[in-house]
Amino acid sequence: MALRKKRIPRYGTVQVNGHKYYRTDVEDAEGKRVILYGKTREELYDKEMAALEKVDNITFRHKSPTVAEYCEKWLLMQSAKVSASTLRGYTRDMTNYIIKPLGEMYMEEVTADDIRLALVPLSKKSEGLYNKVNMLLKCIFYTAERNQILEHNPWAGISGKGGKPTKKKEALTDQQVAVLLDTVKGLPPYLFIMLGLYSGLRREEILALQWDCVFLDEDTPYLSVRRAWCTEHQIHGYPNAGHDPEKSTQNQIYAGL
């Protein structure tokens, strides 16, 4: 089959230093007019097509950043509301499991199959890591959709289940609790262990307890979680401090305090 012949426009001409050139102009990605010259109509036509393709690519890139570029922007937005250690964890997992397989693709080009293929290596990792990366993917693509960067969200419909299930930890028996408390009684960790056993507080919450969290004079003594101790050795207050559900304590904690 014969190729269709290119329909080359009839460009205007100009004289430059005694030589005849064909001339046209195009609008660049910033809206400025750029003058193009060619010795022949064919040469000028090729230059015009190349310039228009470059403008289209730049415009598309502005409207649809690469996955790597948008991940970097998303992490920057999160830096204002998460701890430094959490941000480092997000950055590490995002770099290894999202940017490496998908980073060079434009956000608009990513399909559900691309995401499923990126999650395949994680199926051999822990369930916790799989869920974390899946959560990051969900956040990235839903944020892009809300900001009208995507017309269709490729993450929608992706299963959130995967990875190797973690072994369920068995709770201490009453006998084991008695042995533990008898072993540490009179030692500095005793109160810390008591709080962990009977209040359900996390390690970071116990380490950040101050007397404004402790209410011993009530009919039912309780602790109010107001802040958490982070790995950077800084105490971060909870935004709704004083309004968190109160965590009741047992008589054993009251006696220990």
Protein backbone atom coordinates (compact mmCIF):
# COMPACT_ATOMS: atom_id res chain seq x y z
CA MET A 1 0.00 0.00 0.00
CA ALA A 2 1.41 3.38 -1.01
CA LEU A 3 2.14 5.82 1.79
CA ARG A 4 -0.05 8.92 1.92
CA LYS A 5 1.85 11.93 0.72
CA LYS A 6 2.42 14.65 3.30
CA ARG A 7 0.38 17.79 2.70
CA ILE A 8 2.95 20.52 3.23
CA PRO A 9 1.56 24.04 3.76
CA ARG A 10 2.49 26.94 1.51
CA TYR A 11 4.75 28.82 3.90
CA GLY A 12 5.67 32.45 3.51
CA THR A 13 9.22 33.39 2.48
CA VAL A 14 11.77 35.92 3.69
CA GLN A 15 15.16 37.07 2.46
CA VAL A 16 18.04 36.73 4.94
CA ASN A 17 21.49 37.89 3.79
CA GLY A 18 20.47 37.42 0.20
CA HIS A 19 19.15 33.88 0.73
CA LYS A 20 15.55 32.79 0.49
CA TYR A 21 14.05 30.99 3.50
CA TYR A 22 10.62 29.64 4.22
CA ARG A 23 9.17 30.96 7.45
CA THR A 24 6.44 30.10 9.98
CA ASP A 25 5.82 30.40 13.71
CA VAL A 26 4.44 28.17 16.47
CA GLU A 27 3.30 28.78 20.02
CA ASP A 28 5.52 27.16 22.66
CA ALA A 29 4.41 25.62 25.97
CA GLU A 30 4.58 29.04 27.67
CA GLY A 31 2.37 30.71 25.06
CA LYS A 32 5.20 32.57 23.33
CA ARG A 33 5.54 32.69 19.56
CA VAL A 34 8.67 31.01 18.16
CA ILE A 35 9.86 31.75 14.60
CA LEU A 36 11.04 28.78 12.50
CA TYR A 37 13.01 28.91 9.23
CA GLY A 38 13.85 26.34 6.59
CA LYS A 39 15.66 26.30 3.27
CA THR A 40 12.91 24.12 1.80
CA ARG A 41 9.23 23.66 2.59
CA GLU A 42 9.93 20.03 3.59
CA GLU A 43 12.67 21.06 6.04
CA LEU A 44 10.44 23.72 7.61
CA TYR A 45 7.53 21.30 7.83
CA ASP A 46 9.68 18.78 9.74
CA LYS A 47 10.86 21.51 12.11
CA GLU A 48 7.27 22.63 12.69
CA MET A 49 6.08 19.06 13.44
CA ALA A 50 9.01 18.50 15.84
CA ALA A 51 8.29 21.78 17.66
CA LEU A 52 4.57 20.98 18.00
CA GLU A 53 5.37 17.49 19.32
CA LYS A 54 7.73 19.00 21.89
CA VAL A 55 4.99 21.42 23.02
CA ASP A 56 2.52 18.53 23.32
CA ASN A 57 4.98 16.52 25.42
CA ILE A 58 5.68 19.43 27.77
CA THR A 59 1.98 20.21 28.12
CA PHE A 60 1.20 16.56 28.85
CA ARG A 61 4.01 16.40 31.40
CA HIS A 62 2.66 19.46 33.20
CA LYS A 63 -0.83 17.96 33.32
CA SER A 64 0.35 14.45 34.16
CA PRO A 65 3.62 14.19 36.12
CA THR A 66 5.53 10.94 36.34
CA VAL A 67 4.82 8.60 39.22
CA ALA A 68 8.23 9.45 40.72
CA GLU A 69 7.52 13.19 40.54
CA TYR A 70 4.09 12.87 42.12
CA CYS A 71 5.39 10.54 44.85
CA GLU A 72 7.98 13.18 45.74
CA LYS A 73 5.26 15.84 45.88
CA TRP A 74 2.98 13.61 47.99
CA LEU A 75 5.78 12.91 50.48
CA LEU A 76 6.47 16.63 50.76
CA MET A 77 2.80 17.25 51.57
CA GLN A 78 2.87 14.53 54.24
CA SER A 79 5.99 15.97 55.90
CA ALA A 80 3.85 18.63 57.58
CA LYS A 81 1.68 16.13 59.46
CA VAL A 82 3.67 12.94 60.13
CA SER A 83 6.75 12.32 62.25
CA ALA A 84 10.20 12.17 60.70
CA SER A 85 10.49 8.42 61.35
CA THR A 86 7.12 7.76 59.67
CA LEU A 87 8.16 9.88 56.70
CA ARG A 88 11.42 7.94 56.38
CA GLY A 89 9.47 4.70 56.36
CA TYR A 90 7.10 6.02 53.67
CA THR A 91 10.05 7.21 51.56
CA ARG A 92 11.90 3.89 51.84
CA ASP A 93 8.92 1.73 50.93
CA MET A 94 7.76 4.09 48.19
CA THR A 95 11.23 4.14 46.61
CA ASN A 96 11.65 0.35 46.69
CA TYR A 97 8.17 -0.82 45.75
CA ILE A 98 6.47 2.02 43.84
CA ILE A 99 9.06 4.28 42.22
CA LYS A 100 11.34 1.46 41.03
CA PRO A 101 8.65 -0.37 39.02
CA LEU A 102 6.42 2.59 38.10
CA GLY A 103 8.46 5.77 38.59
CA GLU A 104 9.20 6.56 34.94
CA MET A 105 5.57 6.16 33.84
CA TYR A 106 3.26 9.16 33.65
CA MET A 107 0.43 9.09 36.19
CA GLU A 108 -2.16 9.12 33.39
CA GLU A 109 -0.51 6.11 31.72
CA VAL A 110 -0.59 3.78 34.75
CA THR A 111 -3.15 0.98 34.47
CA ALA A 112 -4.57 -1.41 37.06
CA ASP A 113 -2.42 -4.16 35.54
CA ASP A 114 0.73 -2.07 36.08
CA ILE A 115 -0.16 -1.74 39.77
CA ARG A 116 -0.90 -5.46 40.10
CA LEU A 117 2.48 -6.30 38.52
CA ALA A 118 4.23 -3.88 40.90
CA LEU A 119 2.59 -5.69 43.84
CA VAL A 120 3.71 -9.17 42.71
CA PRO A 121 7.13 -9.06 44.48
CA LEU A 122 5.36 -7.95 47.66
CA SER A 123 3.28 -11.13 47.71
CA LYS A 124 6.39 -12.86 49.08
CA LYS A 125 6.91 -10.20 51.75
CA SER A 126 5.08 -9.81 55.04
CA GLU A 127 1.40 -8.97 55.13
CA GLY A 128 2.21 -5.76 57.00
CA LEU A 129 4.57 -4.49 54.29
CA TYR A 130 2.12 -5.45 51.54
CA ASN A 131 -0.68 -3.55 53.27
CA LYS A 132 1.53 -0.50 53.83
CA VAL A 133 2.61 -0.25 50.18
CA ASN A 134 -0.96 -0.86 49.05
CA MET A 135 -2.08 1.97 51.35
CA LEU A 136 0.57 4.29 49.85
CA LEU A 137 -0.58 3.44 46.31
CA LYS A 138 -4.18 4.14 47.29
CA CYS A 139 -3.28 7.50 48.83
CA ILE A 140 -1.20 8.60 45.84
CA PHE A 141 -3.73 7.78 43.15
CA TYR A 142 -6.77 8.99 45.10
CA THR A 143 -4.98 12.27 45.85
CA ALA A 144 -4.13 12.65 42.16
CA GLU A 145 -7.74 11.92 41.21
CA ARG A 146 -9.09 14.51 43.67
CA ASN A 147 -6.69 17.07 42.20
CA GLN A 148 -7.94 16.28 38.67
CA ILE A 149 -4.57 14.93 37.54
CA LEU A 150 -6.27 11.64 36.64
CA GLU A 151 -9.52 11.09 34.80
CA HIS A 152 -9.58 7.45 35.91
CA ASN A 153 -8.10 6.03 39.10
CA PRO A 154 -6.26 2.78 38.24
CA TRP A 155 -6.05 1.75 41.89
CA ALA A 156 -9.84 1.43 42.20
CA GLY A 157 -10.70 -2.26 42.37
CA ILE A 158 -7.23 -3.41 43.46
CA SER A 159 -7.46 -5.98 46.25
CA GLY A 160 -6.05 -4.88 49.57
CA LYS A 161 -5.20 -8.42 50.66
CA GLY A 162 -1.79 -9.97 50.07
CA GLY A 163 1.58 -10.87 51.52
CA LYS A 164 2.51 -13.62 53.92
CA PRO A 165 0.24 -13.62 56.99
CA THR A 166 2.05 -12.85 60.20
CA LYS A 167 1.90 -15.37 62.98
CA LYS A 168 -0.67 -14.45 65.58
CA LYS A 169 0.97 -13.62 68.88
CA GLU A 170 -0.34 -15.44 71.88
CA ALA A 171 -1.29 -13.32 74.88
CA LEU A 172 0.44 -14.04 78.16
CA THR A 173 -1.38 -16.45 80.42
CA ASP A 174 -2.26 -15.44 83.98
CA GLN A 175 0.57 -17.64 85.21
CA GLN A 176 3.08 -16.02 82.86
CA VAL A 177 1.90 -12.54 83.94
CA ALA A 178 2.38 -13.51 87.60
CA VAL A 179 5.91 -14.80 86.91
CA LEU A 180 6.80 -11.65 84.93
CA LEU A 181 5.57 -9.27 87.63
CA ASP A 182 7.27 -11.26 90.37
CA THR A 183 10.54 -11.13 88.42
CA VAL A 184 10.55 -7.36 87.90
CA LYS A 185 8.98 -6.33 91.20
CA GLY A 186 11.07 -3.62 92.82
CA LEU A 187 12.95 -2.90 89.58
CA PRO A 188 12.63 0.28 87.44
CA PRO A 189 10.65 -1.45 84.61
CA TYR A 190 7.96 -2.67 87.03
CA LEU A 191 5.56 0.26 86.60
CA PHE A 192 6.17 0.37 82.84
CA ILE A 193 5.20 -3.32 82.54
CA MET A 194 2.18 -2.81 84.77
CA LEU A 195 0.93 -0.01 82.54
CA GLY A 196 1.45 -2.09 79.42
CA LEU A 197 -0.31 -5.13 80.87
CA TYR A 198 -3.36 -3.48 82.36
CA SER A 199 -3.99 -0.29 80.39
CA GLY A 200 -3.36 -1.37 76.81
CA LEU A 201 -1.13 1.65 76.18
CA ARG A 202 1.54 1.43 73.51
CA ARG A 203 5.21 1.81 74.40
CA GLU A 204 5.33 5.35 72.93
CA GLU A 205 2.26 6.38 74.93
CA ILE A 206 3.63 5.03 78.21
CA LEU A 207 6.97 6.79 77.75
CA ALA A 208 5.20 10.10 77.13
CA LEU A 209 2.91 9.96 80.20
CA GLN A 210 3.00 13.00 82.46
CA TRP A 211 0.95 13.86 85.53
CA ASP A 212 -1.60 15.77 83.46
CA CYS A 213 -2.56 12.38 82.01
CA VAL A 214 -3.14 10.69 85.37
CA PHE A 215 -6.46 10.93 87.23
CA LEU A 216 -6.33 9.06 90.55
CA ASP A 217 -8.98 10.96 92.51
CA GLU A 218 -11.90 9.86 90.33
CA ASP A 219 -14.37 7.12 91.28
CA THR A 220 -12.67 5.03 88.59
CA PRO A 221 -9.00 6.06 88.20
CA TYR A 222 -7.92 6.40 84.56
CA LEU A 223 -5.20 7.62 82.20
CA SER A 224 -5.84 10.06 79.36
CA VAL A 225 -3.52 9.69 76.36
CA ARG A 226 -2.36 13.16 75.33
CA ARG A 227 0.97 12.61 73.56
CA ALA A 228 3.38 9.99 72.25
CA TRP A 229 7.14 9.59 72.51
CA CYS A 230 8.78 9.34 69.08
CA THR A 231 12.07 7.74 68.13
CA GLU A 232 13.60 11.19 67.60
CA HIS A 233 13.26 11.64 71.39
CA GLN A 234 10.62 14.29 70.97
CA ILE A 235 7.18 14.29 72.51
CA HIS A 236 4.36 14.95 70.08
CA GLY A 237 1.00 16.05 71.47
CA TYR A 238 -2.15 14.58 69.98
CA PRO A 239 -4.28 17.15 68.11
CA ASN A 240 -7.35 16.19 70.13
CA ALA A 241 -5.54 15.95 73.46
CA GLY A 242 -8.00 15.84 76.30
CA HIS A 243 -10.74 14.49 74.03
CA ASP A 244 -9.32 11.03 73.33
CA PRO A 245 -11.26 8.09 74.74
CA GLU A 246 -10.04 7.59 78.27
CA LYS A 247 -8.23 4.33 78.94
CA SER A 248 -9.37 2.94 82.28
CA THR A 249 -6.83 1.26 84.56
CA GLN A 250 -7.08 -1.66 86.92
CA ASN A 251 -6.61 -1.53 90.64
CA GLN A 252 -3.09 -2.90 90.15
CA ILE A 253 -1.99 0.32 88.36
CA TYR A 254 -3.61 2.47 91.01
CA ALA A 255 -1.66 0.60 93.65
CA GLY A 256 1.55 0.90 91.64
CA LEU A 257 1.12 4.66 91.27
